[in-house]
N, C-alpha and C. Protein backbone atom coordinates (compact mmCIF):
# COMPACT_ATOMS: atom_id res chain seq x y z
N MET A 1 32.20 96.50 138.35
CA MET A 1 33.12 97.01 139.38
C MET A 1 33.12 96.08 140.59
N VAL A 2 34.27 95.94 141.23
CA VAL A 2 34.37 95.08 142.40
C VAL A 2 33.88 95.84 143.63
N THR A 3 32.94 95.25 144.33
CA THR A 3 32.42 95.83 145.56
C THR A 3 32.61 94.82 146.69
N GLU A 4 32.33 95.23 147.90
CA GLU A 4 32.43 94.31 149.04
C GLU A 4 31.44 93.16 148.89
N GLU A 5 30.32 93.44 148.24
CA GLU A 5 29.28 92.42 148.07
C GLU A 5 29.67 91.35 147.05
N ASN A 6 30.40 91.74 145.98
CA ASN A 6 30.72 90.76 144.94
C ASN A 6 32.21 90.40 144.91
N LYS A 7 32.97 90.87 145.89
CA LYS A 7 34.42 90.65 145.88
C LYS A 7 34.80 89.17 145.89
N SER A 8 34.10 88.38 146.66
CA SER A 8 34.42 86.94 146.73
C SER A 8 34.18 86.27 145.38
N ILE A 9 33.18 86.72 144.64
CA ILE A 9 32.92 86.16 143.30
C ILE A 9 34.07 86.52 142.37
N PHE A 10 34.51 87.75 142.44
CA PHE A 10 35.66 88.21 141.65
C PHE A 10 36.89 87.36 141.97
N GLN A 11 37.18 87.18 143.24
CA GLN A 11 38.35 86.39 143.65
C GLN A 11 38.25 84.95 143.15
N ASN A 12 37.08 84.35 143.29
CA ASN A 12 36.90 82.96 142.87
C ASN A 12 37.06 82.79 141.37
N LYS A 13 36.62 83.79 140.60
CA LYS A 13 36.78 83.71 139.15
C LYS A 13 38.26 83.78 138.76
N ILE A 14 39.01 84.64 139.43
CA ILE A 14 40.44 84.75 139.18
C ILE A 14 41.14 83.43 139.53
N LEU A 15 40.82 82.89 140.68
CA LEU A 15 41.46 81.66 141.14
C LEU A 15 41.08 80.46 140.29
N ALA A 16 39.85 80.40 139.83
CA ALA A 16 39.41 79.30 138.97
C ALA A 16 40.14 79.35 137.63
N TRP A 17 40.31 80.55 137.09
CA TRP A 17 41.04 80.72 135.84
C TRP A 17 42.49 80.26 136.02
N PHE A 18 43.06 80.55 137.16
CA PHE A 18 44.47 80.23 137.44
C PHE A 18 44.72 78.73 137.44
N VAL A 19 43.75 77.95 137.83
CA VAL A 19 43.92 76.49 137.90
C VAL A 19 44.38 75.92 136.57
N SER A 20 43.78 76.38 135.49
CA SER A 20 44.10 75.83 134.16
C SER A 20 45.08 76.68 133.37
N GLU A 21 45.24 77.95 133.74
CA GLU A 21 46.02 78.86 132.92
C GLU A 21 47.36 79.30 133.54
N LYS A 22 47.67 78.82 134.73
CA LYS A 22 48.89 79.28 135.40
C LYS A 22 50.15 78.87 134.65
N ARG A 23 51.13 79.74 134.72
CA ARG A 23 52.43 79.49 134.10
C ARG A 23 53.30 78.66 135.04
N ASP A 24 54.22 77.91 134.47
CA ASP A 24 55.06 77.02 135.27
C ASP A 24 56.52 77.47 135.19
N PHE A 25 57.05 77.92 136.31
CA PHE A 25 58.45 78.33 136.39
C PHE A 25 59.12 77.60 137.54
N PRO A 26 60.44 77.41 137.47
CA PRO A 26 61.14 76.69 138.55
C PRO A 26 60.93 77.30 139.92
N TRP A 27 60.90 78.64 140.00
CA TRP A 27 60.77 79.29 141.30
C TRP A 27 59.36 79.19 141.87
N ARG A 28 58.42 78.67 141.10
CA ARG A 28 57.08 78.46 141.64
C ARG A 28 56.92 77.06 142.21
N GLN A 29 57.93 76.24 142.04
CA GLN A 29 57.86 74.85 142.49
C GLN A 29 58.45 74.66 143.88
N ASP A 30 59.01 75.72 144.44
CA ASP A 30 59.64 75.64 145.75
C ASP A 30 59.34 76.92 146.51
N LEU A 31 58.79 76.79 147.71
CA LEU A 31 58.39 77.96 148.49
C LEU A 31 59.53 78.53 149.33
N ASN A 32 60.72 77.94 149.21
CA ASN A 32 61.87 78.41 149.98
C ASN A 32 62.08 79.91 149.73
N PRO A 33 62.05 80.73 150.77
CA PRO A 33 62.13 82.18 150.58
C PRO A 33 63.44 82.66 149.94
N TYR A 34 64.52 81.96 150.19
CA TYR A 34 65.79 82.33 149.56
C TYR A 34 65.70 82.16 148.05
N LYS A 35 65.10 81.07 147.61
CA LYS A 35 64.96 80.82 146.18
C LYS A 35 64.01 81.82 145.53
N VAL A 36 62.94 82.15 146.23
CA VAL A 36 62.01 83.14 145.70
C VAL A 36 62.69 84.50 145.62
N LEU A 37 63.49 84.82 146.62
CA LEU A 37 64.21 86.10 146.65
C LEU A 37 65.18 86.19 145.48
N ILE A 38 65.90 85.10 145.20
CA ILE A 38 66.82 85.07 144.06
C ILE A 38 66.05 85.28 142.76
N ALA A 39 64.94 84.59 142.61
CA ALA A 39 64.14 84.72 141.39
C ALA A 39 63.66 86.14 141.19
N GLU A 40 63.15 86.74 142.25
CA GLU A 40 62.62 88.10 142.13
C GLU A 40 63.72 89.11 141.80
N LYS A 41 64.92 88.89 142.32
CA LYS A 41 66.04 89.76 141.98
C LYS A 41 66.38 89.64 140.50
N LEU A 42 66.40 88.43 139.99
CA LEU A 42 66.73 88.22 138.58
C LEU A 42 65.65 88.79 137.66
N LEU A 43 64.42 88.83 138.15
CA LEU A 43 63.31 89.31 137.33
C LEU A 43 63.13 90.82 137.38
N GLN A 44 63.90 91.50 138.22
CA GLN A 44 63.79 92.94 138.28
C GLN A 44 64.17 93.55 136.94
N GLN A 45 63.25 94.32 136.37
CA GLN A 45 63.45 94.99 135.08
C GLN A 45 63.76 94.00 133.95
N THR A 46 63.32 92.76 134.12
CA THR A 46 63.64 91.71 133.14
C THR A 46 62.42 90.84 132.90
N GLN A 47 62.10 90.60 131.64
CA GLN A 47 61.01 89.71 131.29
C GLN A 47 61.43 88.26 131.47
N VAL A 48 60.47 87.42 131.83
CA VAL A 48 60.77 85.99 131.98
C VAL A 48 61.21 85.43 130.63
N ASN A 49 62.36 84.77 130.60
CA ASN A 49 62.84 84.10 129.39
C ASN A 49 63.80 82.99 129.79
N GLU A 50 64.33 82.29 128.81
CA GLU A 50 65.22 81.16 129.09
C GLU A 50 66.48 81.59 129.82
N ASN A 51 66.95 82.81 129.55
CA ASN A 51 68.15 83.29 130.23
C ASN A 51 67.92 83.44 131.74
N VAL A 52 66.73 83.91 132.10
CA VAL A 52 66.40 84.05 133.52
C VAL A 52 66.34 82.68 134.18
N ILE A 53 65.68 81.74 133.54
CA ILE A 53 65.56 80.39 134.09
C ILE A 53 66.94 79.74 134.24
N ARG A 54 67.79 79.93 133.22
CA ARG A 54 69.13 79.36 133.27
C ARG A 54 69.95 79.98 134.40
N ALA A 55 69.89 81.30 134.52
CA ALA A 55 70.65 81.98 135.58
C ALA A 55 70.15 81.56 136.96
N TYR A 56 68.85 81.44 137.10
CA TYR A 56 68.26 81.01 138.37
C TYR A 56 68.79 79.64 138.77
N LYS A 57 68.78 78.70 137.85
CA LYS A 57 69.24 77.35 138.15
C LYS A 57 70.73 77.32 138.45
N GLN A 58 71.50 78.08 137.68
CA GLN A 58 72.95 78.11 137.89
C GLN A 58 73.31 78.72 139.24
N LEU A 59 72.64 79.81 139.60
CA LEU A 59 72.92 80.46 140.87
C LEU A 59 72.63 79.54 142.05
N LEU A 60 71.49 78.88 142.01
CA LEU A 60 71.11 78.04 143.13
C LEU A 60 71.92 76.75 143.19
N LYS A 61 72.40 76.30 142.06
CA LYS A 61 73.27 75.12 142.06
C LYS A 61 74.62 75.45 142.68
N LYS A 62 75.14 76.64 142.34
CA LYS A 62 76.46 77.03 142.83
C LYS A 62 76.40 77.64 144.22
N TYR A 63 75.28 78.33 144.51
CA TYR A 63 75.12 79.00 145.81
C TYR A 63 73.76 78.62 146.40
N PRO A 64 73.64 77.42 146.94
CA PRO A 64 72.34 76.92 147.41
C PRO A 64 71.81 77.56 148.69
N SER A 65 72.61 78.39 149.33
CA SER A 65 72.17 79.03 150.57
C SER A 65 72.71 80.45 150.63
N PRO A 66 72.13 81.31 151.47
CA PRO A 66 72.66 82.66 151.64
C PRO A 66 74.13 82.66 152.05
N THR A 67 74.52 81.70 152.87
CA THR A 67 75.92 81.61 153.29
C THR A 67 76.84 81.40 152.11
N ASP A 68 76.46 80.52 151.20
CA ASP A 68 77.26 80.26 150.00
C ASP A 68 77.38 81.51 149.14
N LEU A 69 76.27 82.20 148.96
CA LEU A 69 76.28 83.40 148.11
C LEU A 69 77.04 84.54 148.79
N ALA A 70 76.97 84.60 150.10
CA ALA A 70 77.68 85.64 150.85
C ALA A 70 79.19 85.53 150.67
N GLU A 71 79.66 84.32 150.45
CA GLU A 71 81.09 84.07 150.30
C GLU A 71 81.53 84.03 148.84
N ALA A 72 80.60 84.30 147.92
CA ALA A 72 80.89 84.18 146.50
C ALA A 72 81.79 85.30 146.00
N ASP A 73 82.53 85.01 144.94
CA ASP A 73 83.30 86.03 144.22
C ASP A 73 82.32 86.75 143.30
N ILE A 74 82.23 88.05 143.44
CA ILE A 74 81.27 88.82 142.64
C ILE A 74 81.47 88.57 141.15
N ALA A 75 82.71 88.42 140.73
CA ALA A 75 83.00 88.19 139.30
C ALA A 75 82.34 86.89 138.81
N ASP A 76 82.29 85.88 139.68
CA ASP A 76 81.65 84.62 139.29
C ASP A 76 80.14 84.78 139.16
N VAL A 77 79.57 85.58 140.04
CA VAL A 77 78.12 85.84 139.97
C VAL A 77 77.81 86.67 138.73
N GLU A 78 78.68 87.59 138.40
CA GLU A 78 78.48 88.42 137.20
C GLU A 78 78.44 87.58 135.94
N VAL A 79 79.27 86.56 135.89
CA VAL A 79 79.30 85.68 134.71
C VAL A 79 77.94 85.02 134.51
N ILE A 80 77.32 84.62 135.61
CA ILE A 80 76.04 83.91 135.53
C ILE A 80 74.91 84.83 135.06
N ILE A 81 74.91 86.07 135.57
CA ILE A 81 73.77 86.94 135.26
C ILE A 81 74.04 87.91 134.10
N ARG A 82 75.23 87.87 133.54
CA ARG A 82 75.55 88.80 132.46
C ARG A 82 74.56 88.72 131.29
N PRO A 83 74.09 87.53 130.89
CA PRO A 83 73.14 87.46 129.78
C PRO A 83 71.83 88.21 130.05
N LEU A 84 71.54 88.52 131.30
CA LEU A 84 70.30 89.22 131.63
C LEU A 84 70.45 90.73 131.59
N GLY A 85 71.69 91.22 131.55
CA GLY A 85 71.91 92.65 131.64
C GLY A 85 71.85 93.11 133.09
N PHE A 86 71.91 94.42 133.29
CA PHE A 86 71.86 94.98 134.65
C PHE A 86 72.84 94.25 135.57
N ILE A 87 74.10 94.26 135.17
CA ILE A 87 75.13 93.48 135.84
C ILE A 87 75.33 93.90 137.29
N TYR A 88 74.89 95.10 137.64
CA TYR A 88 75.04 95.56 139.02
C TYR A 88 74.31 94.65 140.00
N ARG A 89 73.38 93.87 139.51
CA ARG A 89 72.63 92.98 140.38
C ARG A 89 73.52 91.92 141.03
N ALA A 90 74.65 91.61 140.40
CA ALA A 90 75.57 90.63 140.99
C ALA A 90 76.09 91.14 142.33
N ARG A 91 76.49 92.40 142.35
CA ARG A 91 76.99 92.99 143.60
C ARG A 91 75.86 93.08 144.64
N GLU A 92 74.68 93.44 144.18
CA GLU A 92 73.55 93.53 145.11
C GLU A 92 73.21 92.16 145.70
N LEU A 93 73.25 91.13 144.87
CA LEU A 93 72.95 89.79 145.35
C LEU A 93 73.93 89.35 146.43
N CYS A 94 75.20 89.60 146.19
CA CYS A 94 76.22 89.19 147.15
C CYS A 94 76.08 89.97 148.46
N LYS A 95 75.84 91.27 148.34
CA LYS A 95 75.69 92.09 149.55
C LYS A 95 74.43 91.72 150.30
N MET A 96 73.37 91.44 149.58
CA MET A 96 72.12 91.02 150.21
C MET A 96 72.34 89.73 151.00
N ALA A 97 73.05 88.78 150.41
CA ALA A 97 73.32 87.52 151.08
C ALA A 97 74.17 87.73 152.33
N GLN A 98 75.13 88.63 152.25
CA GLN A 98 75.97 88.94 153.41
C GLN A 98 75.13 89.52 154.54
N GLU A 99 74.16 90.34 154.19
CA GLU A 99 73.27 90.92 155.20
C GLU A 99 72.38 89.85 155.83
N LEU A 100 71.93 88.90 155.01
CA LEU A 100 71.11 87.81 155.54
C LEU A 100 71.89 87.00 156.56
N VAL A 101 73.17 86.77 156.25
CA VAL A 101 74.00 85.98 157.16
C VAL A 101 74.34 86.77 158.42
N LYS A 102 74.73 88.02 158.25
CA LYS A 102 75.20 88.84 159.37
C LYS A 102 74.06 89.28 160.28
N ILE A 103 72.95 89.68 159.69
CA ILE A 103 71.86 90.27 160.48
C ILE A 103 70.76 89.27 160.83
N HIS A 104 70.52 88.32 159.92
CA HIS A 104 69.36 87.44 160.09
C HIS A 104 69.74 85.96 160.22
N ASN A 105 70.99 85.71 160.58
CA ASN A 105 71.44 84.34 160.83
C ASN A 105 71.22 83.42 159.63
N GLY A 106 71.36 83.99 158.42
CA GLY A 106 71.24 83.19 157.20
C GLY A 106 69.82 82.88 156.78
N GLN A 107 68.85 83.54 157.42
CA GLN A 107 67.44 83.30 157.09
C GLN A 107 66.84 84.54 156.42
N VAL A 108 65.90 84.31 155.52
CA VAL A 108 65.18 85.42 154.90
C VAL A 108 64.08 85.86 155.86
N PRO A 109 64.06 87.12 156.27
CA PRO A 109 63.04 87.58 157.23
C PRO A 109 61.65 87.56 156.63
N ASN A 110 60.66 87.45 157.49
CA ASN A 110 59.27 87.43 157.03
C ASN A 110 58.51 88.68 157.44
N GLU A 111 59.24 89.79 157.55
CA GLU A 111 58.63 91.08 157.86
C GLU A 111 58.99 92.08 156.77
N LEU A 112 58.01 92.88 156.37
CA LEU A 112 58.19 93.81 155.26
C LEU A 112 59.35 94.76 155.50
N ARG A 113 59.39 95.37 156.68
CA ARG A 113 60.42 96.36 156.96
C ARG A 113 61.82 95.76 156.89
N LYS A 114 61.97 94.57 157.41
CA LYS A 114 63.28 93.91 157.40
C LYS A 114 63.69 93.52 155.98
N LEU A 115 62.75 93.12 155.18
CA LEU A 115 63.05 92.80 153.78
C LEU A 115 63.46 94.06 153.02
N LEU A 116 62.76 95.14 153.27
CA LEU A 116 63.07 96.39 152.58
C LEU A 116 64.44 96.95 152.97
N ASP A 117 64.93 96.54 154.13
CA ASP A 117 66.24 97.00 154.58
C ASP A 117 67.38 96.27 153.87
N LEU A 118 67.08 95.18 153.19
CA LEU A 118 68.10 94.44 152.47
C LEU A 118 68.50 95.17 151.19
N THR A 119 69.76 95.08 150.83
CA THR A 119 70.27 95.73 149.62
C THR A 119 69.53 95.25 148.37
N GLY A 120 69.05 96.20 147.59
CA GLY A 120 68.44 95.87 146.30
C GLY A 120 67.03 95.33 146.35
N ILE A 121 66.40 95.37 147.53
CA ILE A 121 65.04 94.84 147.66
C ILE A 121 64.05 96.00 147.78
N GLY A 122 63.16 96.10 146.80
CA GLY A 122 62.15 97.15 146.80
C GLY A 122 60.80 96.62 147.26
N ASP A 123 59.79 97.48 147.16
CA ASP A 123 58.46 97.14 147.66
C ASP A 123 57.87 95.91 146.98
N TYR A 124 57.96 95.86 145.66
CA TYR A 124 57.37 94.72 144.96
C TYR A 124 58.05 93.42 145.37
N CYS A 125 59.37 93.41 145.33
CA CYS A 125 60.13 92.21 145.65
C CYS A 125 59.85 91.74 147.08
N ALA A 126 59.83 92.67 148.02
CA ALA A 126 59.59 92.32 149.42
C ALA A 126 58.20 91.71 149.59
N ARG A 127 57.21 92.32 148.97
CA ARG A 127 55.85 91.81 149.10
C ARG A 127 55.68 90.47 148.38
N ALA A 128 56.40 90.28 147.28
CA ALA A 128 56.34 89.01 146.56
C ALA A 128 56.87 87.87 147.44
N VAL A 129 57.96 88.12 148.15
CA VAL A 129 58.51 87.11 149.05
C VAL A 129 57.52 86.80 150.17
N LEU A 130 56.94 87.83 150.75
CA LEU A 130 55.97 87.63 151.84
C LEU A 130 54.76 86.82 151.36
N SER A 131 54.30 87.11 150.15
CA SER A 131 53.12 86.42 149.63
C SER A 131 53.45 85.01 149.16
N PHE A 132 54.48 84.87 148.33
CA PHE A 132 54.78 83.58 147.70
C PHE A 132 55.41 82.58 148.66
N SER A 133 56.29 83.07 149.54
CA SER A 133 57.00 82.16 150.43
C SER A 133 56.30 81.97 151.77
N PHE A 134 55.77 83.06 152.32
CA PHE A 134 55.18 83.00 153.65
C PHE A 134 53.65 83.06 153.63
N ASP A 135 53.09 83.19 152.43
CA ASP A 135 51.63 83.22 152.24
C ASP A 135 50.96 84.26 153.14
N LYS A 136 51.62 85.39 153.30
CA LYS A 136 51.04 86.48 154.07
C LYS A 136 50.03 87.23 153.20
N ASP A 137 49.02 87.76 153.82
CA ASP A 137 47.94 88.44 153.09
C ASP A 137 48.36 89.85 152.69
N VAL A 138 49.28 89.91 151.75
CA VAL A 138 49.76 91.20 151.27
C VAL A 138 49.56 91.29 149.76
N PRO A 139 49.34 92.48 149.24
CA PRO A 139 49.22 92.66 147.79
C PRO A 139 50.59 92.84 147.17
N ILE A 140 50.68 92.59 145.89
CA ILE A 140 51.89 92.93 145.14
C ILE A 140 51.47 93.85 143.99
N VAL A 141 52.26 94.87 143.78
CA VAL A 141 51.94 95.83 142.72
C VAL A 141 53.20 96.15 141.93
N ASP A 142 53.18 95.81 140.65
CA ASP A 142 54.22 96.25 139.73
C ASP A 142 53.51 96.99 138.60
N THR A 143 54.23 97.29 137.55
CA THR A 143 53.63 98.03 136.43
C THR A 143 52.45 97.28 135.83
N ASN A 144 52.57 95.96 135.69
CA ASN A 144 51.51 95.17 135.08
C ASN A 144 50.26 95.12 135.97
N VAL A 145 50.48 94.89 137.25
CA VAL A 145 49.35 94.85 138.18
C VAL A 145 48.67 96.21 138.26
N ALA A 146 49.49 97.26 138.25
CA ALA A 146 48.93 98.62 138.29
C ALA A 146 48.07 98.87 137.06
N ARG A 147 48.52 98.42 135.91
CA ARG A 147 47.73 98.58 134.68
C ARG A 147 46.39 97.85 134.81
N PHE A 148 46.42 96.66 135.36
CA PHE A 148 45.20 95.89 135.59
C PHE A 148 44.24 96.67 136.50
N LEU A 149 44.76 97.24 137.57
CA LEU A 149 43.92 98.00 138.50
C LEU A 149 43.37 99.26 137.85
N TYR A 150 44.20 99.93 137.06
CA TYR A 150 43.76 101.15 136.38
C TYR A 150 42.60 100.83 135.43
N ARG A 151 42.68 99.70 134.76
CA ARG A 151 41.61 99.31 133.85
C ARG A 151 40.39 98.83 134.62
N LEU A 152 40.61 98.03 135.64
CA LEU A 152 39.51 97.45 136.41
C LEU A 152 38.61 98.54 136.99
N TYR A 153 39.24 99.56 137.57
CA TYR A 153 38.48 100.63 138.22
C TYR A 153 38.39 101.90 137.38
N GLU A 154 39.00 101.85 136.20
CA GLU A 154 39.04 103.03 135.32
C GLU A 154 39.52 104.26 136.12
N ILE A 155 40.70 104.10 136.69
CA ILE A 155 41.28 105.15 137.52
C ILE A 155 41.70 106.34 136.66
N PRO A 156 41.28 107.53 137.00
CA PRO A 156 41.66 108.71 136.19
C PRO A 156 43.07 109.19 136.54
N GLY A 157 43.59 110.05 135.71
CA GLY A 157 44.89 110.65 136.00
C GLY A 157 46.03 109.90 135.36
N PRO A 158 47.25 110.45 135.45
CA PRO A 158 48.42 109.84 134.82
C PRO A 158 48.84 108.54 135.52
N PHE A 159 49.43 107.67 134.74
CA PHE A 159 49.92 106.40 135.28
C PHE A 159 51.17 106.68 136.11
N PRO A 160 51.30 106.09 137.31
CA PRO A 160 52.44 106.40 138.18
C PRO A 160 53.76 105.88 137.64
N SER A 161 54.82 106.61 137.89
CA SER A 161 56.15 106.21 137.42
C SER A 161 56.69 105.03 138.23
N ASN A 162 56.28 104.94 139.50
CA ASN A 162 56.70 103.82 140.35
C ASN A 162 55.49 103.28 141.10
N PRO A 163 54.67 102.48 140.42
CA PRO A 163 53.42 102.02 141.02
C PRO A 163 53.61 101.16 142.26
N ALA A 164 54.76 100.48 142.39
CA ALA A 164 54.99 99.60 143.53
C ALA A 164 55.04 100.37 144.84
N ARG A 165 55.26 101.69 144.75
CA ARG A 165 55.37 102.51 145.96
C ARG A 165 54.19 103.46 146.13
N LYS A 166 53.20 103.34 145.24
CA LYS A 166 52.03 104.22 145.33
C LYS A 166 51.04 103.66 146.34
N LYS A 167 50.88 104.37 147.43
CA LYS A 167 50.09 103.88 148.55
C LYS A 167 48.66 103.56 148.16
N SER A 168 48.05 104.40 147.36
CA SER A 168 46.64 104.18 147.00
C SER A 168 46.46 102.88 146.20
N LEU A 169 47.43 102.57 145.33
CA LEU A 169 47.36 101.33 144.55
C LEU A 169 47.58 100.11 145.43
N ILE A 170 48.51 100.22 146.36
CA ILE A 170 48.76 99.11 147.28
C ILE A 170 47.52 98.82 148.12
N GLU A 171 46.86 99.87 148.57
CA GLU A 171 45.64 99.69 149.36
C GLU A 171 44.52 99.09 148.51
N LEU A 172 44.41 99.55 147.27
CA LEU A 172 43.38 99.04 146.37
C LEU A 172 43.62 97.56 146.08
N ALA A 173 44.87 97.21 145.78
CA ALA A 173 45.21 95.82 145.51
C ALA A 173 45.02 94.97 146.76
N GLY A 174 45.39 95.53 147.91
CA GLY A 174 45.28 94.77 149.16
C GLY A 174 43.85 94.41 149.51
N ASN A 175 42.92 95.26 149.14
CA ASN A 175 41.51 95.01 149.42
C ASN A 175 40.97 93.83 148.63
N LEU A 176 41.67 93.46 147.55
CA LEU A 176 41.20 92.38 146.69
C LEU A 176 41.82 91.03 147.03
N VAL A 177 42.85 91.02 147.86
CA VAL A 177 43.55 89.78 148.20
C VAL A 177 42.69 88.92 149.13
N PRO A 178 42.41 87.68 148.73
CA PRO A 178 41.60 86.81 149.61
C PRO A 178 42.39 86.37 150.82
N ILE A 179 41.80 86.47 151.98
CA ILE A 179 42.48 86.09 153.22
C ILE A 179 42.85 84.61 153.19
N GLY A 180 44.13 84.35 153.44
CA GLY A 180 44.61 82.97 153.49
C GLY A 180 44.99 82.38 152.15
N ASN A 181 44.88 83.15 151.09
CA ASN A 181 45.23 82.60 149.77
C ASN A 181 45.90 83.65 148.89
N SER A 182 46.77 84.43 149.49
CA SER A 182 47.41 85.51 148.73
C SER A 182 48.34 84.97 147.65
N ARG A 183 49.01 83.86 147.94
CA ARG A 183 49.98 83.35 146.98
C ARG A 183 49.33 83.03 145.63
N ASN A 184 48.32 82.19 145.64
CA ASN A 184 47.66 81.83 144.38
C ASN A 184 46.99 83.02 143.72
N TYR A 185 46.40 83.87 144.53
CA TYR A 185 45.72 85.03 143.96
C TYR A 185 46.72 85.98 143.28
N ASN A 186 47.79 86.31 143.96
CA ASN A 186 48.78 87.23 143.38
C ASN A 186 49.44 86.64 142.15
N LEU A 187 49.75 85.35 142.19
CA LEU A 187 50.31 84.70 141.01
C LEU A 187 49.30 84.71 139.85
N ALA A 188 48.04 84.52 140.20
CA ALA A 188 46.99 84.54 139.17
C ALA A 188 46.91 85.90 138.50
N ILE A 189 47.00 86.97 139.28
CA ILE A 189 46.95 88.31 138.70
C ILE A 189 48.14 88.53 137.78
N LEU A 190 49.33 88.09 138.19
CA LEU A 190 50.51 88.23 137.33
C LEU A 190 50.32 87.49 136.01
N ASP A 191 49.77 86.28 136.09
CA ASP A 191 49.56 85.50 134.87
C ASP A 191 48.46 86.09 134.00
N LEU A 192 47.45 86.63 134.64
CA LEU A 192 46.37 87.29 133.89
C LEU A 192 46.92 88.50 133.13
N CYS A 193 47.80 89.24 133.77
CA CYS A 193 48.40 90.41 133.12
C CYS A 193 49.29 89.99 131.95
N SER A 194 49.94 88.84 132.08
CA SER A 194 50.82 88.35 131.02
C SER A 194 50.04 87.80 129.83
N LYS A 195 48.95 87.11 130.11
CA LYS A 195 48.22 86.42 129.05
C LYS A 195 47.02 87.19 128.51
N ILE A 196 46.37 87.95 129.35
CA ILE A 196 45.11 88.60 128.98
C ILE A 196 45.20 90.12 128.99
N CYS A 197 45.54 90.67 130.14
CA CYS A 197 45.52 92.13 130.32
C CYS A 197 46.86 92.74 129.92
N LYS A 198 47.17 92.60 128.63
CA LYS A 198 48.46 93.05 128.10
C LYS A 198 48.47 94.57 127.90
N PRO A 199 49.67 95.15 127.78
CA PRO A 199 49.76 96.60 127.59
C PRO A 199 48.99 97.08 126.37
N THR A 200 49.09 96.32 125.29
CA THR A 200 48.35 96.66 124.06
C THR A 200 47.51 95.47 123.63
N ASN A 201 46.40 95.74 123.01
CA ASN A 201 45.49 94.70 122.53
C ASN A 201 45.14 93.67 123.59
N PRO A 202 44.65 94.10 124.74
CA PRO A 202 44.25 93.13 125.78
C PRO A 202 43.11 92.26 125.28
N ASN A 203 43.13 91.01 125.71
CA ASN A 203 42.12 90.04 125.28
C ASN A 203 40.93 90.06 126.24
N CYS A 204 40.24 91.18 126.26
CA CYS A 204 39.15 91.37 127.23
C CYS A 204 38.04 90.33 127.08
N LEU A 205 37.83 89.87 125.86
CA LEU A 205 36.74 88.93 125.62
C LEU A 205 36.94 87.62 126.38
N ASN A 206 38.20 87.24 126.62
CA ASN A 206 38.49 85.99 127.32
C ASN A 206 38.93 86.20 128.76
N CYS A 207 38.74 87.40 129.26
CA CYS A 207 39.13 87.70 130.64
C CYS A 207 38.08 87.12 131.60
N PRO A 208 38.51 86.40 132.63
CA PRO A 208 37.55 85.79 133.56
C PRO A 208 36.79 86.81 134.41
N VAL A 209 37.30 88.03 134.47
CA VAL A 209 36.63 89.05 135.29
C VAL A 209 36.19 90.24 134.44
N GLN A 210 35.86 89.99 133.21
CA GLN A 210 35.46 91.06 132.30
C GLN A 210 34.23 91.80 132.81
N ASP A 211 33.33 91.08 133.49
CA ASP A 211 32.10 91.71 133.98
C ASP A 211 32.36 92.71 135.10
N PHE A 212 33.52 92.61 135.72
CA PHE A 212 33.85 93.52 136.82
C PHE A 212 34.67 94.73 136.36
N CYS A 213 35.16 94.66 135.15
CA CYS A 213 36.14 95.64 134.66
C CYS A 213 35.48 96.72 133.80
N LYS A 214 35.62 97.95 134.21
CA LYS A 214 35.03 99.06 133.46
C LYS A 214 35.65 99.17 132.08
N TYR A 215 36.98 99.05 132.01
CA TYR A 215 37.67 99.15 130.73
C TYR A 215 37.28 97.99 129.82
N GLY A 216 37.30 96.77 130.38
CA GLY A 216 36.98 95.59 129.58
C GLY A 216 35.57 95.61 129.03
N THR A 217 34.63 96.05 129.85
CA THR A 217 33.23 96.13 129.41
C THR A 217 33.09 97.05 128.21
N LYS A 218 33.78 98.19 128.25
CA LYS A 218 33.72 99.14 127.13
C LYS A 218 34.35 98.55 125.88
N GLN A 219 35.47 97.82 126.05
CA GLN A 219 36.15 97.23 124.89
C GLN A 219 35.28 96.18 124.21
N ILE A 220 34.60 95.38 125.01
CA ILE A 220 33.74 94.34 124.46
C ILE A 220 32.55 94.94 123.73
N VAL A 221 31.99 96.01 124.30
CA VAL A 221 30.88 96.70 123.65
C VAL A 221 31.33 97.26 122.31
N LYS A 222 32.50 97.86 122.27
CA LYS A 222 33.04 98.41 121.02
C LYS A 222 33.16 97.33 119.94
N LYS A 223 33.68 96.18 120.34
CA LYS A 223 33.88 95.10 119.37
C LYS A 223 32.55 94.55 118.87
N ASN A 224 31.59 94.53 119.77
CA ASN A 224 30.27 93.98 119.40
C ASN A 224 29.50 94.89 118.44
N ILE A 225 29.79 96.19 118.50
CA ILE A 225 29.05 97.11 117.64
C ILE A 225 29.87 97.53 116.40
N SER A 226 31.11 97.02 116.33
CA SER A 226 31.93 97.36 115.16
C SER A 226 31.37 96.72 113.92
N PRO A 227 31.42 97.42 112.78
CA PRO A 227 30.85 96.87 111.54
C PRO A 227 31.69 95.71 111.02
């Protein structure tokens, strides 16, 4: 279990694992908050795949700034994101860009409340922008991160329907974020959830923080005593 006494060891193990195991996506190569915001919108309710990468590149090529996107024809944006489904996101993207231009002078705000006031931006997306673009010491919680926390602490009770808005999970995740290095840490947790702490058949044996995880420890014991 992670305690105040061993928390730094836990964080260092996560970050060390991330050095060699991190995933490479176009939106991780540029800290521009507008680009991160576009990526997070495209990834809402969508798994990372070639269609997402293609749409991301096409959108930023055609609309390289909030001003460009604010003036876009919604039908043209729909064409780009149609392969991803959830076509309503085209309208949200355009309206969000218009709000950035009208209210924030074409800049992505670096405050949680102001981000949440933008059309189509929820708790996870807002915190992701703050962490990835502005390197603010904030946690990010989605379904995958919540699953990781539930296993790590063996949290009792039903799994939340909207973990990104569950205050107790946000506080729990926030306590684990290393001061001054939220970006790498949060990205590391996302990658750990994708590669190791999967919904089914998690690879606990190769988890860098297996010694801290109540669920993982039990799974390893089970495998070791299986005939």
